[in-house]
């Protein structure tokens, strides 16, 4: 989350764009997610929808959005999988801005946290990713119905060639954990970690939920509708867990522990080393890179008190706090 927000702030500063607040030239502003799971695969000759799905491991790439926002054009064919995706002039400019930013932000992190500490994190992530037996997207995909995770994971036929980029490594580990958590579980990890976690039977004011969860009020609204319809919560003056919701909250915590135990058994010392390299990064230094530039859209938004406990990537540009 922290890496993505810092990356997005810098992309916004460098890339000509438009937003609801800035009606300038350029395409609609989107998040790093749209580079990692979409635009990095659109070469000079274009790419078919089927090939994009295969390369990105994402079943539902944001075709209509990326066309509407001005990054690509779509050339329809008889079969949807054969549609050709090509970058627009604005899309090619965005690609040129995106490519070097990963190195720029990682260098900032090395300066902020210490190169030795970041190298240790990269090493522990790479070691665990090399143990995974499936290919996964370079970023968590846009969440599906009920904020569930949908990927086209496929078995590896050859040993993994592990790249060193922090965002992809962090994403693949978290995504692999998510798929194990959500297997045959009633609610998604995004729903549990961000929404169910902050509720109780006494009740919480709905307007306080974005601040407590760290995700946008739009994402909260969708989540509350889903949970209300299934009788996990009631929304009156306050948002309260029902008895069914309390059971689900308890089941979430138990499931989280069970999944971690399965990972300890599966990955052994790899998991311990990863936790040891992650924990020193948490706290005040993590927020130092989140200050937006003066004219950025986040500068006009309330300063976050917390980051989401799980990236909530929605379809509206792919921002991982549901924005």
C-alpha atoms as a PDB file:
ATOM      1  CA  UNK A   1       0.000   0.000   0.000  1.00  0.00           C
ATOM      2  CA  UNK A   2       2.691   2.498   1.025  1.00  0.00           C
ATOM      3  CA  UNK A   3       4.835   1.761  -2.036  1.00  0.00           C
ATOM      4  CA  UNK A   4       1.862   2.114  -4.383  1.00  0.00           C
ATOM      5  CA  UNK A   5       0.696   5.445  -2.962  1.00  0.00           C
ATOM      6  CA  UNK A   6       4.216   6.891  -3.159  1.00  0.00           C
ATOM      7  CA  UNK A   7       4.554   5.567  -6.709  1.00  0.00           C
ATOM      8  CA  UNK A   8       1.154   6.956  -7.735  1.00  0.00           C
ATOM      9  CA  UNK A   9       1.933  10.380  -6.289  1.00  0.00           C
ATOM     10  CA  UNK A  10       5.092  10.595  -8.399  1.00  0.00           C
ATOM     11  CA  UNK A  11       3.303   9.363 -11.529  1.00  0.00           C
ATOM     12  CA  UNK A  12       0.655  12.024 -10.994  1.00  0.00           C
ATOM     13  CA  UNK A  13       3.362  14.709 -10.701  1.00  0.00           C
ATOM     14  CA  UNK A  14       5.107  13.698 -13.926  1.00  0.00           C
ATOM     15  CA  UNK A  15       2.245  12.562 -16.165  1.00  0.00           C
ATOM     16  CA  UNK A  16      -0.099  15.000 -17.975  1.00  0.00           C
ATOM     17  CA  UNK A  17      -3.546  13.875 -16.866  1.00  0.00           C
ATOM     18  CA  UNK A  18      -7.065  14.840 -15.889  1.00  0.00           C
ATOM     19  CA  UNK A  19      -9.185  14.181 -12.804  1.00  0.00           C
ATOM     20  CA  UNK A  20     -12.450  15.515 -11.402  1.00  0.00           C
ATOM     21  CA  UNK A  21     -10.382  18.375  -9.950  1.00  0.00           C
ATOM     22  CA  UNK A  22      -8.082  18.884 -12.944  1.00  0.00           C
ATOM     23  CA  UNK A  23      -9.786  19.102 -16.305  1.00  0.00           C
ATOM     24  CA  UNK A  24      -6.536  19.279 -18.226  1.00  0.00           C
ATOM     25  CA  UNK A  25      -5.178  17.327 -21.146  1.00  0.00           C
ATOM     26  CA  UNK A  26      -4.011  13.748 -21.005  1.00  0.00           C
ATOM     27  CA  UNK A  27      -5.745  10.554 -19.926  1.00  0.00           C
ATOM     28  CA  UNK A  28      -7.708   9.989 -16.746  1.00  0.00           C
ATOM     29  CA  UNK A  29      -5.389   9.387 -13.796  1.00  0.00           C
ATOM     30  CA  UNK A  30      -5.027   5.729 -12.765  1.00  0.00           C
ATOM     31  CA  UNK A  31      -2.963   3.732 -10.290  1.00  0.00           C
ATOM     32  CA  UNK A  32       0.167   1.610 -10.651  1.00  0.00           C
ATOM     33  CA  UNK A  33      -2.126  -1.429 -10.766  1.00  0.00           C
ATOM     34  CA  UNK A  34      -3.023  -0.547 -14.360  1.00  0.00           C
ATOM     35  CA  UNK A  35       0.626  -0.641 -15.348  1.00  0.00           C
ATOM     36  CA  UNK A  36       1.494  -3.855 -13.504  1.00  0.00           C
ATOM     37  CA  UNK A  37      -1.523  -5.885 -14.651  1.00  0.00           C
ATOM     38  CA  UNK A  38      -2.220  -4.210 -17.994  1.00  0.00           C
ATOM     39  CA  UNK A  39      -0.076  -1.576 -19.719  1.00  0.00           C
ATOM     40  CA  UNK A  40       3.312  -3.269 -19.288  1.00  0.00           C
ATOM     41  CA  UNK A  41       2.081  -6.019 -21.624  1.00  0.00           C
ATOM     42  CA  UNK A  42       0.875  -3.702 -24.419  1.00  0.00           C
ATOM     43  CA  UNK A  43       3.845  -3.594 -26.808  1.00  0.00           C
ATOM     44  CA  UNK A  44       4.363  -1.538 -29.960  1.00  0.00           C
ATOM     45  CA  UNK A  45       2.414  -4.032 -32.077  1.00  0.00           C
ATOM     46  CA  UNK A  46      -0.352  -4.326 -29.514  1.00  0.00           C
ATOM     47  CA  UNK A  47      -1.553  -7.455 -27.750  1.00  0.00           C
ATOM     48  CA  UNK A  48      -4.683  -9.586 -27.994  1.00  0.00           C
ATOM     49  CA  UNK A  49      -7.072  -9.857 -25.071  1.00  0.00           C
ATOM     50  CA  UNK A  50      -6.312 -13.557 -24.754  1.00  0.00           C
ATOM     51  CA  UNK A  51      -2.562 -12.969 -24.652  1.00  0.00           C
ATOM     52  CA  UNK A  52      -2.949 -10.160 -22.124  1.00  0.00           C
ATOM     53  CA  UNK A  53      -4.960 -12.469 -19.879  1.00  0.00           C
ATOM     54  CA  UNK A  54      -2.267 -15.135 -20.177  1.00  0.00           C
ATOM     55  CA  UNK A  55       0.646 -12.781 -19.512  1.00  0.00           C
ATOM     56  CA  UNK A  56      -1.019 -10.866 -16.670  1.00  0.00           C
ATOM     57  CA  UNK A  57      -2.772 -13.904 -15.105  1.00  0.00           C
ATOM     58  CA  UNK A  58      -5.851 -11.672 -14.764  1.00  0.00           C
ATOM     59  CA  UNK A  59      -9.200 -13.054 -16.017  1.00  0.00           C
ATOM     60  CA  UNK A  60     -10.934  -9.689 -16.386  1.00  0.00           C
ATOM     61  CA  UNK A  61      -8.491  -6.958 -17.498  1.00  0.00           C
ATOM     62  CA  UNK A  62      -9.947  -3.444 -17.316  1.00  0.00           C
ATOM     63  CA  UNK A  63     -10.571  -3.152 -21.059  1.00  0.00           C
ATOM     64  CA  UNK A  64     -13.477  -0.719 -21.129  1.00  0.00           C
ATOM     65  CA  UNK A  65     -11.964   1.419 -18.405  1.00  0.00           C
ATOM     66  CA  UNK A  66      -8.535   1.733 -20.003  1.00  0.00           C
ATOM     67  CA  UNK A  67     -10.148   2.553 -23.353  1.00  0.00           C
ATOM     68  CA  UNK A  68     -12.527   5.099 -21.791  1.00  0.00           C
ATOM     69  CA  UNK A  69      -9.721   6.682 -19.775  1.00  0.00           C
ATOM     70  CA  UNK A  70      -7.623   7.219 -22.892  1.00  0.00           C
ATOM     71  CA  UNK A  71      -4.756   4.702 -22.560  1.00  0.00           C
ATOM     72  CA  UNK A  72      -5.646   2.159 -25.256  1.00  0.00           C
ATOM     73  CA  UNK A  73      -7.777   1.497 -28.285  1.00  0.00           C
ATOM     74  CA  UNK A  74      -9.605  -1.779 -28.878  1.00  0.00           C
ATOM     75  CA  UNK A  75      -9.900  -3.420 -32.288  1.00  0.00           C
ATOM     76  CA  UNK A  76     -12.859  -5.814 -32.118  1.00  0.00           C
ATOM     77  CA  UNK A  77     -12.608  -9.235 -33.765  1.00  0.00           C
ATOM     78  CA  UNK A  78     -15.065 -12.098 -34.044  1.00  0.00           C
ATOM     79  CA  UNK A  79     -13.846 -13.605 -30.777  1.00  0.00           C
ATOM     80  CA  UNK A  80     -13.295 -11.350 -27.775  1.00  0.00           C
ATOM     81  CA  UNK A  81     -10.048 -13.145 -26.955  1.00  0.00           C
ATOM     82  CA  UNK A  82      -8.715 -12.018 -30.361  1.00  0.00           C
ATOM     83  CA  UNK A  83      -9.479  -8.320 -29.889  1.00  0.00           C
ATOM     84  CA  UNK A  84      -6.310  -6.288 -30.358  1.00  0.00           C
ATOM     85  CA  UNK A  85      -5.316  -3.776 -27.660  1.00  0.00           C
ATOM     86  CA  UNK A  86      -3.026  -0.925 -28.723  1.00  0.00           C
ATOM     87  CA  UNK A  87      -1.626   1.951 -26.688  1.00  0.00           C
ATOM     88  CA  UNK A  88      -2.756   5.462 -27.607  1.00  0.00           C
ATOM     89  CA  UNK A  89      -0.280   8.344 -27.775  1.00  0.00           C
ATOM     90  CA  UNK A  90      -1.211   9.150 -24.176  1.00  0.00           C
ATOM     91  CA  UNK A  91      -0.812   5.499 -23.242  1.00  0.00           C
ATOM     92  CA  UNK A  92       2.724   5.438 -24.659  1.00  0.00           C
ATOM     93  CA  UNK A  93       3.623   8.563 -22.684  1.00  0.00           C
ATOM     94  CA  UNK A  94       2.277   6.902 -19.536  1.00  0.00           C
ATOM     95  CA  UNK A  95       4.381   3.801 -20.232  1.00  0.00           C
ATOM     96  CA  UNK A  96       7.511   5.942 -20.504  1.00  0.00           C
ATOM     97  CA  UNK A  97       6.718   7.601 -17.153  1.00  0.00           C
ATOM     98  CA  UNK A  98       5.838   4.338 -15.403  1.00  0.00           C
ATOM     99  CA  UNK A  99       8.856   2.225 -16.394  1.00  0.00           C
ATOM    100  CA  UNK A 100      11.639   3.986 -14.452  1.00  0.00           C
ATOM    101  CA  UNK A 101       9.485   4.859 -11.426  1.00  0.00           C
ATOM    102  CA  UNK A 102       9.930   1.456  -9.799  1.00  0.00           C
ATOM    103  CA  UNK A 103      13.664   2.007  -9.537  1.00  0.00           C
ATOM    104  CA  UNK A 104      13.130   5.577  -8.319  1.00  0.00           C
ATOM    105  CA  UNK A 105      10.809   4.582  -5.463  1.00  0.00           C
ATOM    106  CA  UNK A 106      12.903   1.578  -4.469  1.00  0.00           C
ATOM    107  CA  UNK A 107      15.944   3.854  -4.244  1.00  0.00           C
ATOM    108  CA  UNK A 108      13.960   6.185  -1.975  1.00  0.00           C
ATOM    109  CA  UNK A 109      13.111   3.224   0.234  1.00  0.00           C
ATOM    110  CA  UNK A 110      16.766   2.220   0.414  1.00  0.00           C
ATOM    111  CA  UNK A 111      17.623   5.753   1.535  1.00  0.00           C
ATOM    112  CA  UNK A 112      14.726   5.909   4.015  1.00  0.00           C
ATOM    113  CA  UNK A 113      15.014   2.464   5.593  1.00  0.00           C
ATOM    114  CA  UNK A 114      18.622   1.583   4.771  1.00  0.00           C
ATOM    115  CA  UNK A 115      19.870  -0.398   1.789  1.00  0.00           C
ATOM    116  CA  UNK A 116      20.790  -3.411   3.912  1.00  0.00           C
ATOM    117  CA  UNK A 117      17.267  -3.629   5.318  1.00  0.00           C
ATOM    118  CA  UNK A 118      15.619  -3.386   1.870  1.00  0.00           C
ATOM    119  CA  UNK A 119      18.041  -5.908   0.416  1.00  0.00           C
ATOM    120  CA  UNK A 120      17.097  -8.262   3.253  1.00  0.00           C
ATOM    121  CA  UNK A 121      13.404  -7.751   2.509  1.00  0.00           C
ATOM    122  CA  UNK A 122      13.932  -8.365  -1.208  1.00  0.00           C
ATOM    123  CA  UNK A 123      15.937 -11.497  -0.471  1.00  0.00           C
ATOM    124  CA  UNK A 124      13.328 -12.969   1.894  1.00  0.00           C
ATOM    125  CA  UNK A 125      10.493 -12.190  -0.526  1.00  0.00           C
ATOM    126  CA  UNK A 126      12.371 -13.736  -3.465  1.00  0.00           C
ATOM    127  CA  UNK A 127      13.110 -16.860  -1.456  1.00  0.00           C
ATOM    128  CA  UNK A 128       9.445 -17.393  -0.618  1.00  0.00           C
ATOM    129  CA  UNK A 129       8.175 -16.555  -4.115  1.00  0.00           C
ATOM    130  CA  UNK A 130      10.605 -19.122  -5.539  1.00  0.00           C
ATOM    131  CA  UNK A 131       8.759 -21.762  -3.490  1.00  0.00           C
ATOM    132  CA  UNK A 132       5.363 -20.997  -5.020  1.00  0.00           C
ATOM    133  CA  UNK A 133       4.207 -23.529  -7.603  1.00  0.00           C
ATOM    134  CA  UNK A 134       1.912 -21.172  -9.544  1.00  0.00           C
ATOM    135  CA  UNK A 135       2.337 -18.091 -11.723  1.00  0.00           C
ATOM    136  CA  UNK A 136       0.564 -15.050 -10.268  1.00  0.00           C
ATOM    137  CA  UNK A 137      -0.099 -11.437 -11.355  1.00  0.00           C
ATOM    138  CA  UNK A 138       2.462  -8.716 -10.658  1.00  0.00           C
ATOM    139  CA  UNK A 139      -0.138  -6.887  -8.576  1.00  0.00           C
ATOM    140  CA  UNK A 140      -3.304  -7.884  -6.795  1.00  0.00           C
ATOM    141  CA  UNK A 141      -6.111  -7.792  -9.377  1.00  0.00           C
ATOM    142  CA  UNK A 142      -9.247  -5.683  -9.271  1.00  0.00           C
ATOM    143  CA  UNK A 143     -11.498  -7.397  -6.750  1.00  0.00           C
ATOM    144  CA  UNK A 144     -14.574  -9.243  -7.918  1.00  0.00           C
ATOM    145  CA  UNK A 145     -18.028  -9.686  -6.402  1.00  0.00           C
ATOM    146  CA  UNK A 146     -17.930  -9.521  -2.617  1.00  0.00           C
ATOM    147  CA  UNK A 147     -14.349  -8.209  -2.903  1.00  0.00           C
ATOM    148  CA  UNK A 148     -13.184 -11.747  -3.745  1.00  0.00           C
ATOM    149  CA  UNK A 149      -9.888 -12.369  -5.534  1.00  0.00           C
ATOM    150  CA  UNK A 150     -10.049 -13.610  -9.123  1.00  0.00           C
ATOM    151  CA  UNK A 151      -6.858 -14.701 -10.893  1.00  0.00           C
ATOM    152  CA  UNK A 152      -5.781 -17.014 -13.687  1.00  0.00           C
ATOM    153  CA  UNK A 153      -3.110 -18.746 -11.639  1.00  0.00           C
ATOM    154  CA  UNK A 154      -1.404 -21.567 -13.492  1.00  0.00           C
ATOM    155  CA  UNK A 155       1.055 -24.250 -12.494  1.00  0.00           C
ATOM    156  CA  UNK A 156       4.699 -23.538 -13.145  1.00  0.00           C
ATOM    157  CA  UNK A 157       6.243 -25.898 -15.685  1.00  0.00           C
ATOM    158  CA  UNK A 158       9.811 -24.734 -15.015  1.00  0.00           C
ATOM    159  CA  UNK A 159      11.555 -23.403 -11.893  1.00  0.00           C
ATOM    160  CA  UNK A 160      10.643 -19.832 -11.041  1.00  0.00           C
ATOM    161  CA  UNK A 161      12.748 -16.977 -12.354  1.00  0.00           C
ATOM    162  CA  UNK A 162      12.259 -14.482  -9.539  1.00  0.00           C
ATOM    163  CA  UNK A 163      12.482 -10.796 -10.358  1.00  0.00           C
ATOM    164  CA  UNK A 164      13.771  -8.345  -7.795  1.00  0.00           C
ATOM    165  CA  UNK A 165      11.069  -5.661  -7.942  1.00  0.00           C
ATOM    166  CA  UNK A 166       9.554  -5.098  -4.506  1.00  0.00           C
ATOM    167  CA  UNK A 167       5.924  -4.426  -5.579  1.00  0.00           C
ATOM    168  CA  UNK A 168       5.635  -7.646  -7.592  1.00  0.00           C
ATOM    169  CA  UNK A 169       7.314  -9.708  -4.877  1.00  0.00           C
ATOM    170  CA  UNK A 170       5.101  -8.268  -2.131  1.00  0.00           C
ATOM    171  CA  UNK A 171       1.992  -8.754  -4.274  1.00  0.00           C
ATOM    172  CA  UNK A 172       2.715 -12.361  -5.209  1.00  0.00           C
ATOM    173  CA  UNK A 173       3.284 -13.391  -1.590  1.00  0.00           C
ATOM    174  CA  UNK A 174       0.139 -11.632  -0.369  1.00  0.00           C
ATOM    175  CA  UNK A 175      -1.892 -12.982  -3.275  1.00  0.00           C
ATOM    176  CA  UNK A 176      -0.753 -16.564  -2.669  1.00  0.00           C
ATOM    177  CA  UNK A 177      -1.738 -16.196   1.000  1.00  0.00           C
ATOM    178  CA  UNK A 178      -5.102 -14.716  -0.028  1.00  0.00           C
ATOM    179  CA  UNK A 179      -5.945 -17.614  -2.325  1.00  0.00           C
ATOM    180  CA  UNK A 180      -5.237 -20.061   0.492  1.00  0.00           C
ATOM    181  CA  UNK A 181      -7.315 -18.002   2.934  1.00  0.00           C
ATOM    182  CA  UNK A 182     -10.314 -17.631   0.616  1.00  0.00           C
ATOM    183  CA  UNK A 183     -10.415 -21.262  -0.483  1.00  0.00           C
ATOM    184  CA  UNK A 184     -13.828 -22.531   0.688  1.00  0.00           C
ATOM    185  CA  UNK A 185     -14.291 -19.563   3.044  1.00  0.00           C
ATOM    186  CA  UNK A 186     -17.514 -17.556   3.011  1.00  0.00           C
ATOM    187  CA  UNK A 187     -16.029 -14.035   2.967  1.00  0.00           C
ATOM    188  CA  UNK A 188     -13.052 -12.507   1.184  1.00  0.00           C
ATOM    189  CA  UNK A 189      -9.878 -11.500   2.989  1.00  0.00           C
ATOM    190  CA  UNK A 190     -10.336  -7.891   1.808  1.00  0.00           C
ATOM    191  CA  UNK A 191     -13.832  -7.787   3.302  1.00  0.00           C
ATOM    192  CA  UNK A 192     -12.711  -9.358   6.570  1.00  0.00           C
ATOM    193  CA  UNK A 193      -9.436  -7.494   7.094  1.00  0.00           C
ATOM    194  CA  UNK A 194     -10.788  -4.048   6.248  1.00  0.00           C
ATOM    195  CA  UNK A 195     -14.475  -4.028   7.195  1.00  0.00           C
ATOM    196  CA  UNK A 196     -15.411  -6.909   9.479  1.00  0.00           C
ATOM    197  CA  UNK A 197     -12.289  -6.296  11.579  1.00  0.00           C
ATOM    198  CA  UNK A 198     -13.362  -2.812  12.752  1.00  0.00           C
ATOM    199  CA  UNK A 199     -17.007  -3.625  13.576  1.00  0.00           C
ATOM    200  CA  UNK A 200     -18.545  -4.880  16.812  1.00  0.00           C
ATOM    201  CA  UNK A 201     -21.961  -5.564  18.330  1.00  0.00           C
ATOM    202  CA  UNK A 202     -22.098  -2.194  20.102  1.00  0.00           C
ATOM    203  CA  UNK A 203     -21.956  -0.356  16.799  1.00  0.00           C
ATOM    204  CA  UNK A 204     -19.705   2.032  14.879  1.00  0.00           C
ATOM    205  CA  UNK A 205     -20.747   5.234  13.116  1.00  0.00           C
ATOM    206  CA  UNK A 206     -20.735   4.697   9.364  1.00  0.00           C
ATOM    207  CA  UNK A 207     -18.883   7.975   8.813  1.00  0.00           C
ATOM    208  CA  UNK A 208     -16.038   6.709  11.016  1.00  0.00           C
ATOM    209  CA  UNK A 209     -15.461   3.545   8.993  1.00  0.00           C
ATOM    210  CA  UNK A 210     -13.265   5.069   6.235  1.00  0.00           C
ATOM    211  CA  UNK A 211     -10.956   6.483   8.902  1.00  0.00           C
ATOM    212  CA  UNK A 212     -10.837   3.239  10.902  1.00  0.00           C
ATOM    213  CA  UNK A 213     -10.423   0.936   7.915  1.00  0.00           C
ATOM    214  CA  UNK A 214      -8.231   3.197   5.769  1.00  0.00           C
ATOM    215  CA  UNK A 215     -10.360   2.695   2.665  1.00  0.00           C
ATOM    216  CA  UNK A 216     -12.593   5.098   0.782  1.00  0.00           C
ATOM    217  CA  UNK A 217     -16.189   5.831   1.683  1.00  0.00           C
ATOM    218  CA  UNK A 218     -17.220   4.510  -1.748  1.00  0.00           C
ATOM    219  CA  UNK A 219     -15.637   1.139  -0.956  1.00  0.00           C
ATOM    220  CA  UNK A 220     -17.256   1.163   2.491  1.00  0.00           C
ATOM    221  CA  UNK A 221     -20.668   1.775   0.928  1.00  0.00           C
ATOM    222  CA  UNK A 222     -20.305  -1.251  -1.361  1.00  0.00           C
ATOM    223  CA  UNK A 223     -19.111  -3.418   1.522  1.00  0.00           C
ATOM    224  CA  UNK A 224     -21.959  -2.406   3.823  1.00  0.00           C
ATOM    225  CA  UNK A 225     -24.505  -3.202   1.139  1.00  0.00           C
ATOM    226  CA  UNK A 226     -23.012  -6.661   0.642  1.00  0.00           C
ATOM    227  CA  UNK A 227     -22.816  -7.432   4.377  1.00  0.00           C
ATOM    228  CA  UNK A 228     -26.313  -6.071   5.105  1.00  0.00           C
ATOM    229  CA  UNK A 229     -27.946  -8.140   2.388  1.00  0.00           C
ATOM    230  CA  UNK A 230     -26.385 -11.288   3.848  1.00  0.00           C
ATOM    231  CA  UNK A 231     -27.330 -10.314   7.426  1.00  0.00           C
ATOM    232  CA  UNK A 232     -23.813 -10.004   8.770  1.00  0.00           C
ATOM    233  CA  UNK A 233     -24.581  -6.430   9.893  1.00  0.00           C
ATOM    234  CA  UNK A 234     -27.461  -4.054  10.488  1.00  0.00           C
ATOM    235  CA  UNK A 235     -27.155  -0.401   9.517  1.00  0.00           C
ATOM    236  CA  UNK A 236     -29.274   1.987  11.577  1.00  0.00           C
ATOM    237  CA  UNK A 237     -27.856   4.932  13.522  1.00  0.00           C
ATOM    238  CA  UNK A 238     -24.783   2.755  13.912  1.00  0.00           C
ATOM    239  CA  UNK A 239     -23.313  -0.143  11.952  1.00  0.00           C
ATOM    240  CA  UNK A 240     -23.550  -3.227  14.174  1.00  0.00           C
ATOM    241  CA  UNK A 241     -22.568  -6.851  13.824  1.00  0.00           C
ATOM    242  CA  UNK A 242     -25.445  -9.310  13.996  1.00  0.00           C
ATOM    243  CA  UNK A 243     -24.926 -12.637  15.811  1.00  0.00           C
ATOM    244  CA  UNK A 244     -24.141 -14.085  12.369  1.00  0.00           C
ATOM    245  CA  UNK A 245     -21.634 -11.295  11.803  1.00  0.00           C
ATOM    246  CA  UNK A 246     -19.928 -11.927  15.132  1.00  0.00           C
ATOM    247  CA  UNK A 247     -19.575 -15.596  14.255  1.00  0.00           C
ATOM    248  CA  UNK A 248     -18.093 -14.592  10.906  1.00  0.00           C
ATOM    249  CA  UNK A 249     -15.627 -12.231  12.621  1.00  0.00           C
ATOM    250  CA  UNK A 250     -14.527 -15.031  14.955  1.00  0.00           C
ATOM    251  CA  UNK A 251     -14.266 -17.413  11.995  1.00  0.00           C
ATOM    252  CA  UNK A 252     -12.128 -14.873  10.108  1.00  0.00           C
ATOM    253  CA  UNK A 253      -9.625 -14.632  12.968  1.00  0.00           C
ATOM    254  CA  UNK A 254      -9.499 -18.414  13.273  1.00  0.00           C
ATOM    255  CA  UNK A 255      -9.090 -18.826   9.518  1.00  0.00           C
ATOM    256  CA  UNK A 256      -6.265 -16.293   9.503  1.00  0.00           C
ATOM    257  CA  UNK A 257      -4.432 -18.280  12.177  1.00  0.00           C
ATOM    258  CA  UNK A 258      -5.030 -21.586  10.419  1.00  0.00           C
ATOM    259  CA  UNK A 259      -3.714 -20.202   7.122  1.00  0.00           C
ATOM    260  CA  UNK A 260      -0.583 -18.887   8.833  1.00  0.00           C
ATOM    261  CA  UNK A 261      -0.009 -22.281  10.443  1.00  0.00           C
ATOM    262  CA  UNK A 262      -0.358 -23.962   7.051  1.00  0.00           C
ATOM    263  CA  UNK A 263       2.213 -21.552   5.660  1.00  0.00           C
ATOM    264  CA  UNK A 264       4.623 -22.246   8.519  1.00  0.00           C
ATOM    265  CA  UNK A 265       4.336 -25.951   7.773  1.00  0.00           C
ATOM    266  CA  UNK A 266       4.703 -25.389   4.041  1.00  0.00           C
ATOM    267  CA  UNK A 267       7.442 -22.752   3.931  1.00  0.00           C
ATOM    268  CA  UNK A 268       9.185 -23.246   7.249  1.00  0.00           C
ATOM    269  CA  UNK A 269      12.006 -20.801   7.847  1.00  0.00           C
ATOM    270  CA  UNK A 270      11.190 -18.785   4.714  1.00  0.00           C
ATOM    271  CA  UNK A 271       8.102 -17.359   6.428  1.00  0.00           C
ATOM    272  CA  UNK A 272       9.949 -16.477   9.619  1.00  0.00           C
ATOM    273  CA  UNK A 273      12.649 -14.635   7.678  1.00  0.00           C
ATOM    274  CA  UNK A 274      10.020 -12.705   5.735  1.00  0.00           C
ATOM    275  CA  UNK A 275       8.197 -11.592   8.878  1.00  0.00           C
ATOM    276  CA  UNK A 276      11.511 -10.542  10.441  1.00  0.00           C
ATOM    277  CA  UNK A 277      12.338  -8.410   7.405  1.00  0.00           C
ATOM    278  CA  UNK A 278       8.873  -6.817   7.188  1.00  0.00           C
ATOM    279  CA  UNK A 279       8.223  -5.840  10.790  1.00  0.00           C
ATOM    280  CA  UNK A 280      11.054  -3.239  11.067  1.00  0.00           C
ATOM    281  CA  UNK A 281       9.471  -1.283   8.197  1.00  0.00           C
ATOM    282  CA  UNK A 282       6.164  -0.745   9.984  1.00  0.00           C
ATOM    283  CA  UNK A 283       5.512   2.442  11.899  1.00  0.00           C
ATOM    284  CA  UNK A 284       6.217   6.120  11.375  1.00  0.00           C
ATOM    285  CA  UNK A 285       8.907   5.809   8.642  1.00  0.00           C
ATOM    286  CA  UNK A 286       6.424   4.009   6.408  1.00  0.00           C
ATOM    287  CA  UNK A 287       4.259   7.146   6.286  1.00  0.00           C
ATOM    288  CA  UNK A 288       7.114   9.505   5.393  1.00  0.00           C
ATOM    289  CA  UNK A 289       6.760   8.771   1.696  1.00  0.00           C
ATOM    290  CA  UNK A 290       2.982   9.247   1.615  1.00  0.00           C
ATOM    291  CA  UNK A 291       2.935  13.056   1.603  1.00  0.00           C
ATOM    292  CA  UNK A 292       1.550  14.078  -1.808  1.00  0.00           C
ATOM    293  CA  UNK A 293       2.873  16.991  -3.822  1.00  0.00           C
ATOM    294  CA  UNK A 294       1.005  20.255  -3.259  1.00  0.00           C
ATOM    295  CA  UNK A 295      -1.256  20.019  -6.323  1.00  0.00           C
ATOM    296  CA  UNK A 296      -1.900  16.278  -6.133  1.00  0.00           C
ATOM    297  CA  UNK A 297      -5.432  15.012  -5.576  1.00  0.00           C
ATOM    298  CA  UNK A 298      -4.446  13.340  -2.307  1.00  0.00           C
ATOM    299  CA  UNK A 299      -3.319  16.724  -0.940  1.00  0.00           C
ATOM    300  CA  UNK A 300      -6.971  17.793  -0.733  1.00  0.00           C
ATOM    301  CA  UNK A 301      -8.055  14.567   0.975  1.00  0.00           C
ATOM    302  CA  UNK A 302      -7.826  13.979   4.749  1.00  0.00           C
ATOM    303  CA  UNK A 303      -4.469  12.613   5.812  1.00  0.00           C
ATOM    304  CA  UNK A 304      -4.898   8.858   6.441  1.00  0.00           C
ATOM    305  CA  UNK A 305      -4.552   7.706  10.028  1.00  0.00           C
ATOM    306  CA  UNK A 306      -3.915   4.143   8.908  1.00  0.00           C
ATOM    307  CA  UNK A 307      -3.391   2.132   5.755  1.00  0.00           C
ATOM    308  CA  UNK A 308      -5.836  -0.636   4.859  1.00  0.00           C
ATOM    309  CA  UNK A 309      -4.935  -3.993   6.370  1.00  0.00           C
ATOM    310  CA  UNK A 310      -5.482  -5.396   2.885  1.00  0.00           C
ATOM    311  CA  UNK A 311      -5.324  -3.651  -0.519  1.00  0.00           C
ATOM    312  CA  UNK A 312      -8.857  -3.015  -1.747  1.00  0.00           C
ATOM    313  CA  UNK A 313      -8.310  -2.642  -5.495  1.00  0.00           C
ATOM    314  CA  UNK A 314     -11.532  -1.480  -7.143  1.00  0.00           C
ATOM    315  CA  UNK A 315     -12.371  -1.042 -10.809  1.00  0.00           C
ATOM    316  CA  UNK A 316     -12.246   2.763 -10.814  1.00  0.00           C
ATOM    317  CA  UNK A 317      -8.605   3.223 -11.751  1.00  0.00           C
ATOM    318  CA  UNK A 318      -7.236   0.460  -9.556  1.00  0.00           C
ATOM    319  CA  UNK A 319      -6.359   2.465  -6.460  1.00  0.00           C
ATOM    320  CA  UNK A 320      -5.644  -0.018  -3.641  1.00  0.00           C
ATOM    321  CA  UNK A 321      -7.448   1.963  -0.947  1.00  0.00           C
ATOM    322  CA  UNK A 322     -10.675   1.741  -2.949  1.00  0.00           C
ATOM    323  CA  UNK A 323     -10.469   5.348  -4.100  1.00  0.00           C
END
